Amino acid sequence: MPIPTESLLEKARLVIDIECRQLEKLRHSLDDSFTRAVELIAQRLEARGKIVVMGVGKSGHIGEKIAATLTSTGSPAIMLNSLNALHGDLGMVADGDVILAMSYSGETEELNNIIPALGRFDVKVIAMTGNPGSFLAQSADVHLNAHVDEEACPLKLAPTSSTTAMLVLGDALAMVLLEMRGFKPEDFAKFHPGGRLGRSLLIKVSHIMRTGEHVAVVPDDSTVTDTLKEMTRRRCGAAAVIDAGGRLAGIFTHGDFARHFTANPGLGQDPVSNFMTRNPITIASDRLAVEVLHILETHRIDDLLVLDRNQAPIGIIDSQDLARHKLV
């Protein structure tokens, strides 16, 4: 007999609830060992070492993700297959490295057999286990406790809460290291050149803004009608209004016209300065395109003027341009 949909949802929520409770316990259990682990990794990386992540089974799968996250955020890491390490792959380890050994029980035979061999290298070992009294935890320079009281598996067999705790603890290491080492969006872009995220982090405003004949710029004494004609001629949804010195005085959009026309149908011959938005949101040409995404979403606008150092308009970005450049 099929299980009712609501019952399935309740079972799923129970799994999530159990894992959330265990993560909350993990949060409260963090102590100085985490600080020592971060500082140790940072010291080794500054000395041109790398992070070598090791694990077996589910811990190994989690380790692969942690190694990828560390590497992509400026902390070079590799994943060493524990089963192959004693058969030549220890050649991946070099003096000055730091080992992140992951085993929830701390008694995984394949992993523990590697520990004595690592004594021949000038390396530091950080163990991530759920058992502080285990061989791995006791053999390490620093132990990170990922203990959970309950797995989310109804049979209490499949690693669930425990692997989630290890994954979150690894993410915490990577993100704290990111901030500690001054990793910036520009650095992130170097490692993620593909896709929308990479493009938005690599491309600057100057690469995507409309310039020259594609920008409507009018003096502040222009009429609304003349401004609309200029916007139509330039195929722009907005016009930059400048003062006598060429500096930006405001912006006038099709939306501004629609709002004011309802109350004043005869506004065509009035100065556009009466209806423009003063002190509009703007951006400099040397900023990253990712900032444009944030500004448009935060301020709910469709057009963004680009200014030079003298506050003169030199370009405009229409929200539709972002799709053309595959940034959204």
C-alpha atoms as a PDB file:
ATOM      1  CA  MET A   1       0.000   0.000   0.000  1.00  0.00           C
ATOM      2  CA  PRO A   2       1.438   3.430  -1.001  1.00  0.00           C
ATOM      3  CA  ILE A   3       2.541   5.665   1.851  1.00  0.00           C
ATOM      4  CA  PRO A   4       0.466   8.881   2.040  1.00  0.00           C
ATOM      5  CA  THR A   5       2.258  11.957   0.724  1.00  0.00           C
ATOM      6  CA  GLU A   6       1.918  13.783   4.036  1.00  0.00           C
ATOM      7  CA  SER A   7       3.561  10.869   5.825  1.00  0.00           C
ATOM      8  CA  LEU A   8       6.491  10.984   3.401  1.00  0.00           C
ATOM      9  CA  LEU A   9       6.896  14.699   4.010  1.00  0.00           C
ATOM     10  CA  GLU A  10       6.827  14.203   7.773  1.00  0.00           C
ATOM     11  CA  LYS A  11       9.543  11.566   7.518  1.00  0.00           C
ATOM     12  CA  ALA A  12      11.656  13.932   5.420  1.00  0.00           C
ATOM     13  CA  ARG A  13      11.133  16.766   7.907  1.00  0.00           C
ATOM     14  CA  LEU A  14      12.166  14.452  10.741  1.00  0.00           C
ATOM     15  CA  VAL A  15      15.472  13.714   8.983  1.00  0.00           C
ATOM     16  CA  ILE A  16      16.115  17.431   8.519  1.00  0.00           C
ATOM     17  CA  ASP A  17      15.120  18.205  12.105  1.00  0.00           C
ATOM     18  CA  ILE A  18      17.522  15.597  13.483  1.00  0.00           C
ATOM     19  CA  GLU A  19      20.414  16.911  11.404  1.00  0.00           C
ATOM     20  CA  CYS A  20      19.627  20.521  12.347  1.00  0.00           C
ATOM     21  CA  ARG A  21      19.710  19.608  16.050  1.00  0.00           C
ATOM     22  CA  GLN A  22      23.075  17.911  15.642  1.00  0.00           C
ATOM     23  CA  LEU A  23      24.493  20.922  13.790  1.00  0.00           C
ATOM     24  CA  GLU A  24      23.321  23.194  16.596  1.00  0.00           C
ATOM     25  CA  LYS A  25      25.204  20.981  19.059  1.00  0.00           C
ATOM     26  CA  LEU A  26      28.265  21.133  16.824  1.00  0.00           C
ATOM     27  CA  ARG A  27      28.055  24.918  16.802  1.00  0.00           C
ATOM     28  CA  HIS A  28      28.061  25.089  20.586  1.00  0.00           C
ATOM     29  CA  SER A  29      30.869  22.521  20.915  1.00  0.00           C
ATOM     30  CA  LEU A  30      33.426  24.512  18.899  1.00  0.00           C
ATOM     31  CA  ASP A  31      36.463  25.308  21.018  1.00  0.00           C
ATOM     32  CA  ASP A  32      40.103  26.362  20.839  1.00  0.00           C
ATOM     33  CA  SER A  33      40.980  23.297  18.790  1.00  0.00           C
ATOM     34  CA  PHE A  34      39.224  24.885  15.814  1.00  0.00           C
ATOM     35  CA  THR A  35      41.285  28.052  16.248  1.00  0.00           C
ATOM     36  CA  ARG A  36      44.494  26.027  16.454  1.00  0.00           C
ATOM     37  CA  ALA A  37      43.545  24.114  13.300  1.00  0.00           C
ATOM     38  CA  VAL A  38      42.912  27.320  11.344  1.00  0.00           C
ATOM     39  CA  GLU A  39      46.142  28.915  12.521  1.00  0.00           C
ATOM     40  CA  LEU A  40      48.128  25.764  11.751  1.00  0.00           C
ATOM     41  CA  ILE A  41      46.730  25.538   8.223  1.00  0.00           C
ATOM     42  CA  ALA A  42      47.319  29.244   7.608  1.00  0.00           C
ATOM     43  CA  GLN A  43      50.946  28.971   8.758  1.00  0.00           C
ATOM     44  CA  ARG A  44      51.611  26.016   6.479  1.00  0.00           C
ATOM     45  CA  LEU A  45      49.978  27.689   3.496  1.00  0.00           C
ATOM     46  CA  GLU A  46      51.963  30.880   4.039  1.00  0.00           C
ATOM     47  CA  ALA A  47      55.126  28.722   3.942  1.00  0.00           C
ATOM     48  CA  ARG A  48      53.986  27.386   0.521  1.00  0.00           C
ATOM     49  CA  GLY A  49      52.669  24.112   1.872  1.00  0.00           C
ATOM     50  CA  LYS A  50      49.327  22.560   0.949  1.00  0.00           C
ATOM     51  CA  ILE A  51      46.444  20.743   2.606  1.00  0.00           C
ATOM     52  CA  VAL A  52      46.249  16.991   2.034  1.00  0.00           C
ATOM     53  CA  VAL A  53      42.786  15.624   2.777  1.00  0.00           C
ATOM     54  CA  MET A  54      42.413  11.916   3.513  1.00  0.00           C
ATOM     55  CA  GLY A  55      39.371   9.771   4.221  1.00  0.00           C
ATOM     56  CA  VAL A  56      37.732   6.439   3.422  1.00  0.00           C
ATOM     57  CA  GLY A  57      34.161   5.635   2.420  1.00  0.00           C
ATOM     58  CA  LYS A  58      31.575   8.338   3.154  1.00  0.00           C
ATOM     59  CA  SER A  59      34.226  10.406   4.954  1.00  0.00           C
ATOM     60  CA  GLY A  60      36.274  10.253   1.777  1.00  0.00           C
ATOM     61  CA  HIS A  61      33.379  11.605  -0.285  1.00  0.00           C
ATOM     62  CA  ILE A  62      32.936  14.451   2.186  1.00  0.00           C
ATOM     63  CA  GLY A  63      36.695  15.031   2.097  1.00  0.00           C
ATOM     64  CA  GLU A  64      36.628  15.449  -1.680  1.00  0.00           C
ATOM     65  CA  LYS A  65      34.054  18.213  -1.364  1.00  0.00           C
ATOM     66  CA  ILE A  66      35.992  19.923   1.422  1.00  0.00           C
ATOM     67  CA  ALA A  67      39.215  19.775  -0.606  1.00  0.00           C
ATOM     68  CA  ALA A  68      37.418  21.310  -3.593  1.00  0.00           C
ATOM     69  CA  THR A  69      35.965  24.106  -1.455  1.00  0.00           C
ATOM     70  CA  LEU A  70      39.323  24.861   0.137  1.00  0.00           C
ATOM     71  CA  THR A  71      41.083  25.003  -3.229  1.00  0.00           C
ATOM     72  CA  SER A  72      38.457  27.209  -4.858  1.00  0.00           C
ATOM     73  CA  THR A  73      38.674  29.716  -2.016  1.00  0.00           C
ATOM     74  CA  GLY A  74      42.435  30.158  -2.000  1.00  0.00           C
ATOM     75  CA  SER A  75      43.629  27.351   0.288  1.00  0.00           C
ATOM     76  CA  PRO A  76      45.354  24.792  -1.986  1.00  0.00           C
ATOM     77  CA  ALA A  77      44.207  21.263  -1.145  1.00  0.00           C
ATOM     78  CA  ILE A  78      44.391  17.810  -2.691  1.00  0.00           C
ATOM     79  CA  MET A  79      42.525  14.597  -1.951  1.00  0.00           C
ATOM     80  CA  LEU A  80      44.758  11.606  -1.203  1.00  0.00           C
ATOM     81  CA  ASN A  81      43.166   8.192  -1.650  1.00  0.00           C
ATOM     82  CA  SER A  82      43.883   6.422   1.637  1.00  0.00           C
ATOM     83  CA  LEU A  83      43.777   2.992   0.000  1.00  0.00           C
ATOM     84  CA  ASN A  84      46.535   3.912  -2.448  1.00  0.00           C
ATOM     85  CA  ALA A  85      48.632   6.036  -0.106  1.00  0.00           C
ATOM     86  CA  LEU A  86      50.752   3.128   1.129  1.00  0.00           C
ATOM     87  CA  HIS A  87      51.365   1.963  -2.425  1.00  0.00           C
ATOM     88  CA  GLY A  88      53.083   5.011  -3.832  1.00  0.00           C
ATOM     89  CA  ASP A  89      50.604   7.846  -3.540  1.00  0.00           C
ATOM     90  CA  LEU A  90      52.326   9.183  -0.409  1.00  0.00           C
ATOM     91  CA  GLY A  91      54.575  10.824  -2.974  1.00  0.00           C
ATOM     92  CA  MET A  92      51.869  13.492  -3.140  1.00  0.00           C
ATOM     93  CA  VAL A  93      52.798  14.553   0.402  1.00  0.00           C
ATOM     94  CA  ALA A  94      55.691  16.976   0.886  1.00  0.00           C
ATOM     95  CA  ASP A  95      57.465  18.455   3.892  1.00  0.00           C
ATOM     96  CA  GLY A  96      55.580  21.524   5.084  1.00  0.00           C
ATOM     97  CA  ASP A  97      52.123  20.152   4.259  1.00  0.00           C
ATOM     98  CA  VAL A  98      49.232  19.809   6.694  1.00  0.00           C
ATOM     99  CA  ILE A  99      47.131  16.633   6.716  1.00  0.00           C
ATOM    100  CA  LEU A 100      43.373  16.731   7.277  1.00  0.00           C
ATOM    101  CA  ALA A 101      42.532  13.125   8.166  1.00  0.00           C
ATOM    102  CA  MET A 102      38.805  12.352   8.296  1.00  0.00           C
ATOM    103  CA  SER A 103      37.222   9.314   9.934  1.00  0.00           C
ATOM    104  CA  TYR A 104      34.111   9.499  12.072  1.00  0.00           C
ATOM    105  CA  SER A 105      35.080   6.475  14.165  1.00  0.00           C
ATOM    106  CA  GLY A 106      38.739   7.472  14.220  1.00  0.00           C
ATOM    107  CA  GLU A 107      39.580   3.795  13.942  1.00  0.00           C
ATOM    108  CA  THR A 108      39.521   3.288  10.163  1.00  0.00           C
ATOM    109  CA  GLU A 109      42.285   0.743   9.521  1.00  0.00           C
ATOM    110  CA  GLU A 110      43.339   2.062   6.110  1.00  0.00           C
ATOM    111  CA  LEU A 111      43.721   5.584   7.475  1.00  0.00           C
ATOM    112  CA  ASN A 112      45.394   4.654  10.745  1.00  0.00           C
ATOM    113  CA  ASN A 113      48.005   2.588   8.895  1.00  0.00           C
ATOM    114  CA  ILE A 114      49.144   5.784   7.173  1.00  0.00           C
ATOM    115  CA  ILE A 115      49.765   7.752  10.372  1.00  0.00           C
ATOM    116  CA  PRO A 116      53.105   6.058  11.251  1.00  0.00           C
ATOM    117  CA  ALA A 117      54.324   6.557   7.674  1.00  0.00           C
ATOM    118  CA  LEU A 118      53.576  10.270   7.912  1.00  0.00           C
ATOM    119  CA  GLY A 119      56.089  10.494  10.748  1.00  0.00           C
ATOM    120  CA  ARG A 120      58.834  10.455   8.110  1.00  0.00           C
ATOM    121  CA  PHE A 121      57.595  13.790   6.787  1.00  0.00           C
ATOM    122  CA  ASP A 122      57.651  17.266   8.278  1.00  0.00           C
ATOM    123  CA  VAL A 123      53.871  17.485   8.321  1.00  0.00           C
ATOM    124  CA  LYS A 124      51.190  18.383  10.852  1.00  0.00           C
ATOM    125  CA  VAL A 125      48.079  16.253  11.231  1.00  0.00           C
ATOM    126  CA  ILE A 126      44.577  17.573  11.933  1.00  0.00           C
ATOM    127  CA  ALA A 127      42.113  14.789  12.673  1.00  0.00           C
ATOM    128  CA  MET A 128      38.370  15.207  12.190  1.00  0.00           C
ATOM    129  CA  THR A 129      36.510  12.446  14.022  1.00  0.00           C
ATOM    130  CA  GLY A 130      33.516  11.864  16.246  1.00  0.00           C
ATOM    131  CA  ASN A 131      35.615  10.035  18.832  1.00  0.00           C
ATOM    132  CA  PRO A 132      38.220  12.058  20.786  1.00  0.00           C
ATOM    133  CA  GLY A 133      39.580   8.870  22.338  1.00  0.00           C
ATOM    134  CA  SER A 134      40.268   7.144  19.031  1.00  0.00           C
ATOM    135  CA  PHE A 135      43.708   6.248  17.685  1.00  0.00           C
ATOM    136  CA  LEU A 136      43.454   8.888  14.947  1.00  0.00           C
ATOM    137  CA  ALA A 137      42.387  11.656  17.333  1.00  0.00           C
ATOM    138  CA  GLN A 138      45.126  10.808  19.828  1.00  0.00           C
ATOM    139  CA  SER A 139      47.796  10.645  17.091  1.00  0.00           C
ATOM    140  CA  ALA A 140      46.976  14.058  15.617  1.00  0.00           C
ATOM    141  CA  ASP A 141      48.447  17.456  16.407  1.00  0.00           C
ATOM    142  CA  VAL A 142      44.931  18.912  16.542  1.00  0.00           C
ATOM    143  CA  HIS A 143      41.599  17.114  16.868  1.00  0.00           C
ATOM    144  CA  LEU A 144      38.338  18.547  15.533  1.00  0.00           C
ATOM    145  CA  ASN A 145      35.378  16.891  17.245  1.00  0.00           C
ATOM    146  CA  ALA A 146      32.488  16.197  14.838  1.00  0.00           C
ATOM    147  CA  HIS A 147      30.577  14.016  17.291  1.00  0.00           C
ATOM    148  CA  VAL A 148      26.802  13.648  16.875  1.00  0.00           C
ATOM    149  CA  ASP A 149      24.365  12.026  19.297  1.00  0.00           C
ATOM    150  CA  GLU A 150      22.043  10.682  16.647  1.00  0.00           C
ATOM    151  CA  GLU A 151      22.122   9.688  13.001  1.00  0.00           C
ATOM    152  CA  ALA A 152      19.100  10.679  10.914  1.00  0.00           C
ATOM    153  CA  CYS A 153      18.896   7.192   9.428  1.00  0.00           C
ATOM    154  CA  PRO A 154      15.829   5.378  10.888  1.00  0.00           C
ATOM    155  CA  LEU A 155      17.962   2.218  11.117  1.00  0.00           C
ATOM    156  CA  LYS A 156      20.718   4.224  12.875  1.00  0.00           C
ATOM    157  CA  LEU A 157      23.194   2.715  10.406  1.00  0.00           C
ATOM    158  CA  ALA A 158      23.769   4.987   7.397  1.00  0.00           C
ATOM    159  CA  PRO A 159      26.065   7.982   8.068  1.00  0.00           C
ATOM    160  CA  THR A 160      23.799  11.026   7.838  1.00  0.00           C
ATOM    161  CA  SER A 161      24.090  13.488  10.706  1.00  0.00           C
ATOM    162  CA  SER A 162      27.753  12.556  11.118  1.00  0.00           C
ATOM    163  CA  THR A 163      28.692  13.243   7.492  1.00  0.00           C
ATOM    164  CA  THR A 164      26.713  16.486   7.545  1.00  0.00           C
ATOM    165  CA  ALA A 165      28.601  17.579  10.667  1.00  0.00           C
ATOM    166  CA  MET A 166      31.952  16.821   9.007  1.00  0.00           C
ATOM    167  CA  LEU A 167      30.937  18.679   5.856  1.00  0.00           C
ATOM    168  CA  VAL A 168      29.816  21.756   7.795  1.00  0.00           C
ATOM    169  CA  LEU A 169      32.982  21.697   9.902  1.00  0.00           C
ATOM    170  CA  GLY A 170      35.034  21.587   6.693  1.00  0.00           C
ATOM    171  CA  ASP A 171      33.062  24.507   5.252  1.00  0.00           C
ATOM    172  CA  ALA A 172      33.716  26.458   8.440  1.00  0.00           C
ATOM    173  CA  LEU A 173      37.454  25.836   8.080  1.00  0.00           C
ATOM    174  CA  ALA A 174      37.427  26.979   4.455  1.00  0.00           C
ATOM    175  CA  MET A 175      35.394  30.127   5.062  1.00  0.00           C
ATOM    176  CA  VAL A 176      37.375  31.234   8.120  1.00  0.00           C
ATOM    177  CA  LEU A 177      40.607  30.669   6.193  1.00  0.00           C
ATOM    178  CA  LEU A 178      39.175  32.672   3.295  1.00  0.00           C
ATOM    179  CA  GLU A 179      38.659  35.712   5.517  1.00  0.00           C
ATOM    180  CA  MET A 180      41.852  35.215   7.494  1.00  0.00           C
ATOM    181  CA  ARG A 181      43.963  35.142   4.316  1.00  0.00           C
ATOM    182  CA  GLY A 182      42.245  38.151   2.723  1.00  0.00           C
ATOM    183  CA  PHE A 183      40.713  36.252  -0.206  1.00  0.00           C
ATOM    184  CA  LYS A 184      38.730  38.699  -2.406  1.00  0.00           C
ATOM    185  CA  PRO A 185      36.052  38.379  -5.101  1.00  0.00           C
ATOM    186  CA  GLU A 186      38.728  39.099  -7.722  1.00  0.00           C
ATOM    187  CA  ASP A 187      40.724  36.126  -6.424  1.00  0.00           C
ATOM    188  CA  PHE A 188      37.628  33.923  -6.540  1.00  0.00           C
ATOM    189  CA  ALA A 189      37.099  34.926 -10.169  1.00  0.00           C
ATOM    190  CA  LYS A 190      40.553  33.647 -11.125  1.00  0.00           C
ATOM    191  CA  PHE A 191      39.513  30.155 -10.112  1.00  0.00           C
ATOM    192  CA  HIS A 192      35.983  30.327 -11.563  1.00  0.00           C
ATOM    193  CA  PRO A 193      36.298  31.784 -15.083  1.00  0.00           C
ATOM    194  CA  GLY A 194      33.394  29.776 -16.473  1.00  0.00           C
ATOM    195  CA  GLY A 195      29.668  30.293 -16.061  1.00  0.00           C
ATOM    196  CA  ARG A 196      27.651  33.310 -14.967  1.00  0.00           C
ATOM    197  CA  LEU A 197      29.454  33.695 -11.652  1.00  0.00           C
ATOM    198  CA  GLY A 198      32.874  33.724 -13.280  1.00  0.00           C
ATOM    199  CA  ARG A 199      31.817  36.223 -15.927  1.00  0.00           C
ATOM    200  CA  SER A 200      30.247  38.589 -13.401  1.00  0.00           C
ATOM    201  CA  LEU A 201      33.408  38.510 -11.299  1.00  0.00           C
ATOM    202  CA  LEU A 202      35.844  38.943 -14.180  1.00  0.00           C
ATOM    203  CA  ILE A 203      33.986  41.447 -16.336  1.00  0.00           C
ATOM    204  CA  LYS A 204      34.078  45.121 -15.392  1.00  0.00           C
ATOM    205  CA  VAL A 205      31.424  47.763 -15.873  1.00  0.00           C
ATOM    206  CA  SER A 206      33.435  49.287 -18.740  1.00  0.00           C
ATOM    207  CA  HIS A 207      33.052  46.008 -20.666  1.00  0.00           C
ATOM    208  CA  ILE A 208      29.258  45.967 -20.625  1.00  0.00           C
ATOM    209  CA  MET A 209      28.120  49.598 -20.468  1.00  0.00           C
ATOM    210  CA  ARG A 210      26.597  51.389 -23.456  1.00  0.00           C
ATOM    211  CA  THR A 211      28.659  54.359 -24.587  1.00  0.00           C
ATOM    212  CA  GLY A 212      28.771  57.109 -27.230  1.00  0.00           C
ATOM    213  CA  GLU A 213      25.751  57.234 -29.505  1.00  0.00           C
ATOM    214  CA  HIS A 214      23.969  54.649 -27.348  1.00  0.00           C
ATOM    215  CA  VAL A 215      23.727  57.027 -24.362  1.00  0.00           C
ATOM    216  CA  ALA A 216      21.125  59.784 -24.088  1.00  0.00           C
ATOM    217  CA  VAL A 217      22.609  62.888 -22.433  1.00  0.00           C
ATOM    218  CA  VAL A 218      20.677  66.192 -22.249  1.00  0.00           C
ATOM    219  CA  PRO A 219      21.249  69.597 -20.571  1.00  0.00           C
ATOM    220  CA  ASP A 220      19.138  70.292 -17.497  1.00  0.00           C
ATOM    221  CA  ASP A 221      17.240  73.054 -19.342  1.00  0.00           C
ATOM    222  CA  SER A 222      15.948  70.621 -21.993  1.00  0.00           C
ATOM    223  CA  THR A 223      12.224  70.086 -22.234  1.00  0.00           C
ATOM    224  CA  VAL A 224      10.601  66.763 -21.474  1.00  0.00           C
ATOM    225  CA  THR A 225       9.673  66.400 -25.151  1.00  0.00           C
ATOM    226  CA  ASP A 226      13.240  66.980 -26.328  1.00  0.00           C
ATOM    227  CA  THR A 227      14.504  64.543 -23.732  1.00  0.00           C
ATOM    228  CA  LEU A 228      12.067  61.852 -24.886  1.00  0.00           C
ATOM    229  CA  LYS A 229      13.131  62.426 -28.494  1.00  0.00           C
ATOM    230  CA  GLU A 230      16.776  61.996 -27.499  1.00  0.00           C
ATOM    231  CA  MET A 231      15.967  58.808 -25.600  1.00  0.00           C
ATOM    232  CA  THR A 232      14.099  57.472 -28.630  1.00  0.00           C
ATOM    233  CA  ARG A 233      16.929  58.397 -30.988  1.00  0.00           C
ATOM    234  CA  ARG A 234      19.499  56.684 -28.765  1.00  0.00           C
ATOM    235  CA  ARG A 235      17.156  53.772 -28.032  1.00  0.00           C
ATOM    236  CA  CYS A 236      17.569  54.291 -24.291  1.00  0.00           C
ATOM    237  CA  GLY A 237      15.091  53.821 -21.486  1.00  0.00           C
ATOM    238  CA  ALA A 238      16.682  56.677 -19.581  1.00  0.00           C
ATOM    239  CA  ALA A 239      18.540  59.950 -20.122  1.00  0.00           C
ATOM    240  CA  ALA A 240      21.384  61.413 -18.114  1.00  0.00           C
ATOM    241  CA  VAL A 241      20.636  65.064 -17.303  1.00  0.00           C
ATOM    242  CA  ILE A 242      23.750  67.220 -16.888  1.00  0.00           C
ATOM    243  CA  ASP A 243      24.396  70.702 -15.513  1.00  0.00           C
ATOM    244  CA  ALA A 244      26.291  73.502 -17.252  1.00  0.00           C
ATOM    245  CA  GLY A 245      29.611  71.986 -16.105  1.00  0.00           C
ATOM    246  CA  GLY A 246      28.853  68.598 -17.662  1.00  0.00           C
ATOM    247  CA  ARG A 247      28.335  66.923 -14.301  1.00  0.00           C
ATOM    248  CA  LEU A 248      25.391  64.630 -13.628  1.00  0.00           C
ATOM    249  CA  ALA A 249      22.364  66.485 -12.316  1.00  0.00           C
ATOM    250  CA  GLY A 250      19.861  63.636 -12.452  1.00  0.00           C
ATOM    251  CA  ILE A 251      18.258  60.853 -14.465  1.00  0.00           C
ATOM    252  CA  PHE A 252      14.967  60.838 -16.363  1.00  0.00           C
ATOM    253  CA  THR A 253      13.376  57.520 -17.345  1.00  0.00           C
ATOM    254  CA  HIS A 254      10.338  56.341 -19.261  1.00  0.00           C
ATOM    255  CA  GLY A 255       8.946  55.368 -15.870  1.00  0.00           C
ATOM    256  CA  ASP A 256       9.329  58.946 -14.636  1.00  0.00           C
ATOM    257  CA  PHE A 257       7.444  60.207 -17.683  1.00  0.00           C
ATOM    258  CA  ALA A 258       4.594  57.714 -17.180  1.00  0.00           C
ATOM    259  CA  ARG A 259       4.204  58.621 -13.513  1.00  0.00           C
ATOM    260  CA  HIS A 260       4.160  62.393 -14.059  1.00  0.00           C
ATOM    261  CA  PHE A 261       2.079  62.341 -17.267  1.00  0.00           C
ATOM    262  CA  THR A 262      -0.977  61.047 -15.387  1.00  0.00           C
ATOM    263  CA  ALA A 263      -1.051  64.144 -13.191  1.00  0.00           C
ATOM    264  CA  ASN A 264       0.279  66.571 -15.804  1.00  0.00           C
ATOM    265  CA  PRO A 265      -0.549  65.603 -19.418  1.00  0.00           C
ATOM    266  CA  GLY A 266       0.883  68.876 -20.714  1.00  0.00           C
ATOM    267  CA  LEU A 267       4.372  68.450 -19.256  1.00  0.00           C
ATOM    268  CA  GLY A 268       6.029  68.160 -22.677  1.00  0.00           C
ATOM    269  CA  GLN A 269       7.331  71.719 -22.746  1.00  0.00           C
ATOM    270  CA  ASP A 270       8.327  71.827 -19.089  1.00  0.00           C
ATOM    271  CA  PRO A 271      12.018  71.521 -18.136  1.00  0.00           C
ATOM    272  CA  VAL A 272      13.036  67.904 -17.630  1.00  0.00           C
ATOM    273  CA  SER A 273      14.828  68.990 -14.450  1.00  0.00           C
ATOM    274  CA  ASN A 274      11.402  69.387 -12.833  1.00  0.00           C
ATOM    275  CA  PHE A 275      10.735  65.669 -13.151  1.00  0.00           C
ATOM    276  CA  MET A 276      14.126  63.985 -13.102  1.00  0.00           C
ATOM    277  CA  THR A 277      15.442  61.932 -10.183  1.00  0.00           C
ATOM    278  CA  ARG A 278      18.191  63.872  -8.473  1.00  0.00           C
ATOM    279  CA  ASN A 279      21.211  62.110  -6.957  1.00  0.00           C
ATOM    280  CA  PRO A 280      20.487  58.795  -8.708  1.00  0.00           C
ATOM    281  CA  ILE A 281      22.329  55.559  -8.004  1.00  0.00           C
ATOM    282  CA  THR A 282      25.474  55.418 -10.175  1.00  0.00           C
ATOM    283  CA  ILE A 283      28.617  53.339 -10.605  1.00  0.00           C
ATOM    284  CA  ALA A 284      32.199  53.835 -11.809  1.00  0.00           C
ATOM    285  CA  SER A 285      33.473  52.139 -14.953  1.00  0.00           C
ATOM    286  CA  ASP A 286      36.252  50.246 -13.161  1.00  0.00           C
ATOM    287  CA  ARG A 287      33.879  48.398 -10.818  1.00  0.00           C
ATOM    288  CA  LEU A 288      33.036  44.714 -11.293  1.00  0.00           C
ATOM    289  CA  ALA A 289      29.917  43.687 -13.171  1.00  0.00           C
ATOM    290  CA  VAL A 290      28.826  41.628 -10.171  1.00  0.00           C
ATOM    291  CA  GLU A 291      28.246  44.928  -8.358  1.00  0.00           C
ATOM    292  CA  VAL A 292      25.782  45.954 -11.069  1.00  0.00           C
ATOM    293  CA  LEU A 293      23.733  42.832 -10.356  1.00  0.00           C
ATOM    294  CA  HIS A 294      23.633  43.700  -6.668  1.00  0.00           C
ATOM    295  CA  ILE A 295      22.700  47.355  -7.248  1.00  0.00           C
ATOM    296  CA  LEU A 296      19.876  46.615  -9.696  1.00  0.00           C
ATOM    297  CA  GLU A 297      18.401  43.954  -7.408  1.00  0.00           C
ATOM    298  CA  THR A 298      18.775  45.987  -4.215  1.00  0.00           C
ATOM    299  CA  HIS A 299      17.384  49.272  -5.531  1.00  0.00           C
ATOM    300  CA  ARG A 300      14.898  47.743  -7.990  1.00  0.00           C
ATOM    301  CA  ILE A 301      15.977  49.907 -10.913  1.00  0.00           C
ATOM    302  CA  ASP A 302      16.377  49.083 -14.600  1.00  0.00           C
ATOM    303  CA  ASP A 303      18.967  51.664 -15.661  1.00  0.00           C
ATOM    304  CA  LEU A 304      22.313  52.470 -14.059  1.00  0.00           C
ATOM    305  CA  LEU A 305      24.431  55.460 -15.097  1.00  0.00           C
ATOM    306  CA  VAL A 306      28.218  55.151 -15.253  1.00  0.00           C
ATOM    307  CA  LEU A 307      30.255  58.203 -14.222  1.00  0.00           C
ATOM    308  CA  ASP A 308      33.866  59.237 -14.625  1.00  0.00           C
ATOM    309  CA  ARG A 309      35.979  60.787 -11.856  1.00  0.00           C
ATOM    310  CA  ASN A 310      34.529  64.220 -12.606  1.00  0.00           C
ATOM    311  CA  GLN A 311      30.973  62.965 -12.103  1.00  0.00           C
ATOM    312  CA  ALA A 312      30.218  63.225 -15.808  1.00  0.00           C
ATOM    313  CA  PRO A 313      28.107  60.448 -17.394  1.00  0.00           C
ATOM    314  CA  ILE A 314      30.118  58.254 -19.760  1.00  0.00           C
ATOM    315  CA  GLY A 315      27.833  55.259 -20.094  1.00  0.00           C
ATOM    316  CA  ILE A 316      24.671  53.477 -19.052  1.00  0.00           C
ATOM    317  CA  ILE A 317      23.758  49.896 -18.234  1.00  0.00           C
ATOM    318  CA  ASP A 318      20.266  48.617 -18.965  1.00  0.00           C
ATOM    319  CA  SER A 319      19.094  45.558 -17.043  1.00  0.00           C
ATOM    320  CA  GLN A 320      18.543  43.860 -20.415  1.00  0.00           C
ATOM    321  CA  ASP A 321      22.259  44.192 -21.143  1.00  0.00           C
ATOM    322  CA  LEU A 322      23.011  41.718 -18.363  1.00  0.00           C
ATOM    323  CA  ALA A 323      21.147  38.940 -20.168  1.00  0.00           C
ATOM    324  CA  ARG A 324      22.932  39.799 -23.426  1.00  0.00           C
ATOM    325  CA  HIS A 325      26.271  39.333 -21.664  1.00  0.00           C
ATOM    326  CA  LYS A 326      24.999  36.138 -19.976  1.00  0.00           C
ATOM    327  CA  LEU A 327      25.380  37.625 -16.510  1.00  0.00           C
ATOM    328  CA  VAL A 328      21.858  36.608 -15.450  1.00  0.00           C
END
